[in-house]
Protein backbone atom coordinates (compact mmCIF):
# COMPACT_ATOMS: atom_id res chain seq x y z
CA MET A 1 -37.53 97.02 300.84
CA GLU A 2 -34.72 97.08 298.37
CA HIS A 3 -33.68 94.21 296.19
CA ASN A 4 -31.68 92.87 293.29
CA PRO A 5 -32.03 89.35 291.73
CA GLU A 6 -29.60 87.90 294.33
CA GLN A 7 -30.60 89.62 297.47
CA ILE A 8 -33.25 91.50 299.32
CA ILE A 9 -32.68 94.28 301.87
CA LEU A 10 -35.05 94.44 304.62
CA GLY A 11 -34.55 97.42 306.97
CA GLU A 12 -30.83 97.09 307.95
CA VAL A 13 -30.57 93.49 307.14
CA THR A 14 -29.42 92.01 303.71
CA VAL A 15 -30.77 88.59 302.75
CA THR A 16 -29.14 86.44 300.07
CA ARG A 17 -30.13 82.96 298.87
CA VAL A 18 -27.22 80.47 298.57
CA THR A 19 -28.37 77.39 296.74
CA GLU A 20 -27.13 73.93 297.11
CA PHE A 21 -29.59 71.82 295.19
CA TYR A 22 -32.80 72.37 293.45
CA GLY A 23 -34.94 69.51 291.85
CA THR A 24 -36.88 66.33 292.41
CA VAL A 25 -36.99 64.97 296.01
CA GLU A 26 -38.31 61.65 294.48
CA LEU A 27 -41.54 61.87 296.41
CA THR A 28 -45.00 62.18 295.03
CA PRO A 29 -47.40 64.66 296.56
CA GLY A 30 -49.35 61.71 298.15
CA GLU A 31 -46.00 60.35 299.70
CA PHE A 32 -44.67 63.83 300.85
CA PHE A 33 -47.95 65.21 302.06
CA PRO A 34 -50.26 62.22 302.80
CA ASP A 35 -53.01 64.39 304.39
CA SER A 36 -53.22 67.14 301.56
CA PRO A 37 -56.88 67.37 300.35
CA ALA A 38 -57.95 65.29 297.62
CA GLY A 39 -57.68 67.21 294.31
CA SER A 40 -55.78 70.11 295.84
CA TRP A 41 -52.57 69.72 293.77
CA ASP A 42 -54.44 69.83 290.34
CA GLU A 43 -56.68 72.70 291.87
CA HIS A 44 -53.68 74.82 292.29
CA ARG A 45 -51.57 73.51 289.44
CA ASP A 46 -51.21 76.89 287.87
CA TRP A 47 -48.81 78.09 290.60
CA LEU A 48 -47.57 74.67 291.96
CA ALA A 49 -46.16 73.69 288.69
CA PRO A 50 -43.36 73.72 287.68
CA ASP A 51 -41.46 75.26 290.63
CA PHE A 52 -42.94 72.94 293.35
CA TRP A 53 -44.30 69.94 291.44
CA ASN A 54 -43.83 68.11 288.16
CA PRO A 55 -47.31 66.86 287.03
CA GLU A 56 -45.81 64.72 284.32
CA THR A 57 -43.67 62.72 286.79
CA ASN A 58 -45.86 63.47 289.79
CA GLU A 59 -42.93 64.40 291.86
CA CYS A 60 -42.39 67.24 294.35
CA HIS A 61 -39.46 69.60 293.64
CA SER A 62 -37.51 71.39 296.63
CA ALA A 63 -34.73 73.77 296.94
CA ILE A 64 -31.92 73.10 299.36
CA GLN A 65 -30.46 76.44 300.37
CA SER A 66 -29.19 78.69 303.00
CA TRP A 67 -30.47 82.19 303.80
CA LEU A 68 -27.41 84.44 304.21
CA LEU A 69 -28.03 87.27 306.43
CA ARG A 70 -25.90 90.33 307.16
CA SER A 71 -26.91 92.27 310.32
CA GLU A 72 -25.08 94.54 312.52
CA GLY A 73 -21.93 93.66 311.14
CA ARG A 74 -22.18 89.86 311.45
CA THR A 75 -22.63 87.28 308.75
CA ILE A 76 -25.42 84.66 309.59
CA LEU A 77 -26.16 81.51 307.84
CA VAL A 78 -29.69 80.13 308.26
CA ASP A 79 -29.64 76.31 307.84
CA THR A 80 -26.65 74.55 305.99
CA GLY A 81 -28.17 72.07 303.66
CA VAL A 82 -27.14 68.53 303.15
CA GLY A 83 -23.33 68.73 302.79
CA ASN A 84 -20.76 66.79 300.62
CA HIS A 85 -19.70 63.16 301.14
CA LYS A 86 -22.08 62.33 303.89
CA ASP A 87 -23.12 58.75 304.21
CA ARG A 88 -27.04 58.66 304.15
CA PRO A 89 -27.88 55.08 303.46
CA TYR A 90 -31.62 55.65 304.43
CA ALA A 91 -31.93 59.01 302.67
CA ARG A 92 -30.87 57.98 299.07
CA VAL A 93 -31.38 61.25 297.61
CA TRP A 94 -28.96 63.00 299.87
CA ASN A 95 -26.39 60.18 300.01
CA ARG A 96 -22.81 61.11 299.31
CA ARG A 97 -23.54 64.26 297.46
CA ASP A 98 -20.80 66.54 295.87
CA THR A 99 -22.12 69.97 295.11
CA ASP A 100 -20.82 73.49 294.68
CA TYR A 101 -22.39 74.95 297.73
CA LEU A 102 -19.07 76.58 299.09
CA ASP A 103 -18.44 78.11 295.59
CA ASN A 104 -21.90 79.50 295.59
CA LEU A 105 -21.38 80.96 299.14
CA ALA A 106 -18.00 82.52 297.89
CA ALA A 107 -19.94 83.96 295.03
CA ALA A 108 -22.13 85.87 297.72
CA GLY A 109 -18.91 87.10 298.95
CA VAL A 110 -18.54 84.84 302.04
CA ARG A 111 -15.54 82.49 302.92
CA PRO A 112 -16.34 79.84 305.63
CA GLU A 113 -14.22 81.78 308.10
CA ASP A 114 -16.26 84.87 307.65
CA VAL A 115 -19.36 83.28 309.11
CA ASP A 116 -20.15 84.47 312.57
CA LEU A 117 -23.38 82.54 313.44
CA VAL A 118 -24.93 79.46 312.04
CA VAL A 119 -28.59 78.95 312.79
CA ASN A 120 -29.90 75.47 312.49
CA THR A 121 -33.63 75.81 312.50
CA HIS A 122 -33.84 72.13 313.34
CA LEU A 123 -31.56 69.15 313.04
CA HIS A 124 -32.85 67.20 309.99
CA VAL A 125 -30.45 65.81 307.55
CA ASP A 126 -30.94 68.59 305.02
CA HIS A 127 -30.48 71.41 307.46
CA VAL A 128 -27.14 70.69 309.14
CA GLY A 129 -25.00 69.04 306.51
CA TRP A 130 -22.49 71.81 305.81
CA ASN A 131 -22.00 72.37 309.59
CA THR A 132 -18.96 70.22 308.93
CA ARG A 133 -16.68 69.20 306.12
CA LEU A 134 -14.32 66.22 305.69
CA ASP A 135 -10.77 66.81 306.35
CA GLY A 136 -8.97 63.70 305.59
CA ARG A 137 -11.10 61.19 307.32
CA VAL A 138 -12.32 63.53 310.17
CA TRP A 139 -15.28 65.84 310.24
CA VAL A 140 -14.43 69.31 311.25
CA PRO A 141 -16.50 72.54 311.58
CA THR A 142 -16.88 74.15 308.15
CA PHE A 143 -17.32 77.62 309.79
CA PRO A 144 -14.46 77.59 312.39
CA ASN A 145 -15.13 81.08 313.70
CA ALA A 146 -18.91 80.71 314.04
CA THR A 147 -21.29 80.05 316.84
CA TYR A 148 -23.83 77.34 315.95
CA LEU A 149 -27.24 78.08 317.35
CA MET A 150 -29.42 75.10 318.00
CA THR A 151 -32.31 74.30 320.28
CA ARG A 152 -31.63 72.17 323.39
CA GLN A 153 -34.88 70.33 322.57
CA ASP A 154 -33.68 69.12 319.11
CA PHE A 155 -30.19 68.57 320.39
CA GLU A 156 -31.42 66.21 322.94
CA PHE A 157 -34.04 64.50 320.79
CA TRP A 158 -31.58 63.59 318.02
CA ASP A 159 -28.81 62.59 320.21
CA PRO A 160 -28.62 58.80 319.58
CA ALA A 161 -27.73 58.22 323.12
CA ASN A 162 -31.11 59.25 324.30
CA GLU A 163 -32.85 56.62 322.01
CA HIS A 164 -35.81 58.65 321.03
CA ARG A 165 -38.06 57.32 318.16
CA SER A 166 -38.68 59.44 315.13
CA VAL A 167 -41.14 59.26 312.28
CA LEU A 168 -38.05 59.36 310.05
CA GLY A 169 -37.00 55.89 311.31
CA ARG A 170 -33.46 55.61 310.33
CA GLY A 171 -33.66 58.48 307.91
CA ASN A 172 -31.60 60.79 309.97
CA GLN A 173 -28.82 58.06 310.58
CA ASN A 174 -25.34 59.38 310.94
CA VAL A 175 -26.59 63.00 310.92
CA PHE A 176 -25.85 63.84 314.65
CA GLU A 177 -22.49 62.05 314.64
CA ASP A 178 -20.99 63.74 311.53
CA SER A 179 -22.83 67.21 311.61
CA VAL A 180 -23.67 68.06 315.08
CA THR A 181 -21.28 66.28 317.40
CA PRO A 182 -18.09 67.60 315.85
CA VAL A 183 -19.14 71.33 316.31
CA HIS A 184 -20.33 70.57 319.79
CA ARG A 185 -17.00 68.99 320.74
CA ALA A 186 -15.12 71.97 319.28
CA GLY A 187 -17.12 74.07 321.70
CA LEU A 188 -18.94 76.03 318.96
CA THR A 189 -22.60 75.27 319.81
CA ARG A 190 -24.94 77.46 321.80
CA LEU A 191 -28.03 75.48 322.96
CA TRP A 192 -31.07 77.72 323.61
CA GLU A 193 -34.61 77.24 324.66
CA GLU A 194 -37.87 79.10 324.21
CA SER A 195 -36.37 82.28 322.66
CA PHE A 196 -32.79 83.87 321.82
CA ARG A 197 -32.24 87.46 320.81
CA ILE A 198 -29.39 87.53 318.24
CA ASP A 199 -29.27 91.35 317.92
CA ARG A 200 -31.83 94.31 317.51
CA ASN A 201 -33.07 92.93 314.23
CA LEU A 202 -33.28 89.20 314.73
CA ARG A 203 -34.74 86.84 317.34
CA LEU A 204 -35.21 83.07 317.43
CA ASP A 205 -38.43 81.45 318.75
CA LEU A 206 -39.24 77.97 319.36
CA ALA A 207 -41.86 76.54 316.78
CA PRO A 208 -42.29 72.93 317.62
CA GLY A 209 -44.18 70.22 315.87
CA HIS A 210 -42.19 69.46 312.84
CA THR A 211 -39.58 68.45 315.38
CA PRO A 212 -39.71 68.99 319.12
CA GLY A 213 -37.06 71.88 318.72
CA SER A 214 -38.02 73.38 315.39
CA SER A 215 -37.55 77.16 315.45
CA VAL A 216 -38.28 80.29 313.58
CA LEU A 217 -36.01 83.27 313.01
CA ALA A 218 -38.03 86.64 313.03
CA LEU A 219 -36.68 89.66 311.54
CA GLU A 220 -37.94 93.12 312.34
CA SER A 221 -35.91 96.08 311.00
CA GLY A 222 -36.79 99.53 309.71
CA GLY A 223 -40.43 98.76 309.40
CA ASP A 224 -39.76 95.48 307.39
CA ARG A 225 -40.46 92.07 308.75
CA ALA A 226 -39.80 88.53 307.84
CA LEU A 227 -40.06 84.97 309.28
CA PHE A 228 -37.55 82.30 308.35
CA VAL A 229 -39.66 79.29 309.02
CA GLY A 230 -37.44 76.34 308.26
CA ASP A 231 -39.80 73.29 307.44
CA LEU A 232 -43.01 74.74 308.97
CA VAL A 233 -43.76 75.12 305.29
CA HIS A 234 -42.39 72.91 302.51
CA THR A 235 -44.74 73.70 299.70
CA PRO A 236 -47.14 76.67 299.02
CA LEU A 237 -49.99 74.25 299.29
CA GLN A 238 -49.47 74.34 302.99
CA ILE A 239 -50.24 78.05 302.92
CA THR A 240 -53.46 77.56 301.26
CA GLU A 241 -54.07 74.31 303.14
CA PRO A 242 -52.37 75.08 306.49
CA GLY A 243 -53.79 71.82 307.96
CA THR A 244 -51.53 69.80 305.61
CA ASN A 245 -48.47 68.31 307.07
CA SER A 246 -45.38 66.64 305.59
CA CYS A 247 -44.76 63.00 306.20
CA PHE A 248 -41.79 64.18 308.29
CA CYS A 249 -43.58 65.99 311.17
CA GLU A 250 -42.91 64.54 314.55
CA ASP A 251 -46.02 65.88 316.27
CA PRO A 252 -48.79 66.39 313.57
CA ALA A 253 -51.28 68.22 315.69
CA GLU A 254 -48.61 70.66 317.15
CA SER A 255 -47.18 71.20 313.71
CA ARG A 256 -50.54 72.25 312.38
CA ALA A 257 -51.25 74.59 315.15
CA THR A 258 -47.82 76.12 315.00
CA ARG A 259 -48.17 76.64 311.28
CA HIS A 260 -51.59 78.31 311.52
CA ARG A 261 -50.26 80.51 314.25
CA LEU A 262 -47.17 81.78 312.70
CA LEU A 263 -48.86 82.22 309.05
CA GLY A 264 -51.40 84.24 310.95
CA HIS A 265 -48.70 86.50 312.43
CA ALA A 266 -46.98 86.87 309.09
CA ALA A 267 -50.45 87.90 307.51
CA GLU A 268 -51.15 90.43 310.30
CA ASP A 269 -47.62 91.92 310.23
CA ASN A 270 -47.16 91.96 306.37
CA ALA A 271 -44.04 89.76 306.98
CA LEU A 272 -42.22 87.90 304.27
CA VAL A 273 -42.25 84.19 304.76
CA PHE A 274 -38.92 82.48 303.93
CA PRO A 275 -39.27 78.61 303.97
CA ALA A 276 -36.24 76.60 303.86
CA HIS A 277 -37.09 74.67 300.68
CA PHE A 278 -38.95 76.89 298.25
CA GLY A 279 -37.77 76.89 294.83
CA GLY A 280 -39.24 79.63 292.47
CA ARG A 281 -38.89 83.00 294.05
CA GLY A 282 -38.02 81.47 297.52
CA ALA A 283 -40.39 83.55 299.59
CA ALA A 284 -43.77 85.09 299.73
CA GLU A 285 -46.12 87.53 301.65
CA VAL A 286 -49.18 85.82 302.94
CA GLU A 287 -52.81 87.08 303.55
CA ARG A 288 -55.67 85.64 305.45
CA THR A 289 -58.68 84.14 303.77
CA GLY A 290 -61.01 82.99 306.38
CA SER A 291 -59.49 80.07 308.30
CA ARG A 292 -56.88 79.64 305.50
CA PHE A 293 -54.21 81.83 303.80
CA ALA A 294 -53.28 82.82 300.36
CA ILE A 295 -50.09 84.14 298.50
CA LYS A 296 -50.38 87.90 298.28
CA GLU A 297 -47.12 88.49 296.54
CA TRP A 298 -43.86 86.52 295.76
CA ALA A 299 -40.55 87.80 296.91
CA ALA A 300 -38.25 89.56 294.36
CA PHE A 301 -35.62 86.92 294.02
CA SER A 302 -34.83 85.27 290.69
CA ARG A 303 -36.76 82.01 290.08
CA LEU A 304 -34.87 78.95 290.70
CA SER A 305 -35.48 76.64 287.58
């Protein structure tokens, strides 16, 4: 594994972090992770604070970011954040934001037209926002030459026409209409089920629980391994306490089982775990400690602060 502060090279794949936002999500640990064990945040304060939790305000901190992969000559974005100018009346922290995300992508050497694949690990508000941009009064694909990979399960679950109930209530309102439908109507989506092979280095697998169609991107190249796990893990506390869900998990039991299974694979395969929202150094190697896990080593990215 090679690295510099902005990127890591895993086998033949280059991984770059592209940040949209880092800071408070205006939720306390008890609100965000209501089933976290009593006293667990204070017990692990030395490595939860300040990157993931501000004890003074008792608010959780998260990064909104994309993982930019270059593999076999293609440019791949894993998750696209919140987006600009999106109307999110029931998700106030993400409402009508105006960020420098595209400038940050350009700083990584990528123009929107350079992107070949977009992977949406699931279709929550903070994972699909830059799928589209506002052109006048119309939402158009931000990455016009890309294929957008989404699971059929999530596509059908979040389509308002299917009237599925969600634990988010109205928190995902407008998301399908302004960030999914425009790319689908443009013929840019590829809906997949169970598993999808991107190339020799990268494979998508279904990892349900957080949402019905949540997915994980597995990287295996030149002896290096990694898992891009989306919202399977929001905070490192869920590594040491894998039974802890966020308040946004659609199927709590399935989410716990999926998390435990995939963290087990990561520990056995010595795979880096790349969650969608880790601040700090962004990713970590994990090891098994009985029925739980621990952070073996942080990734080599510079800390977000």
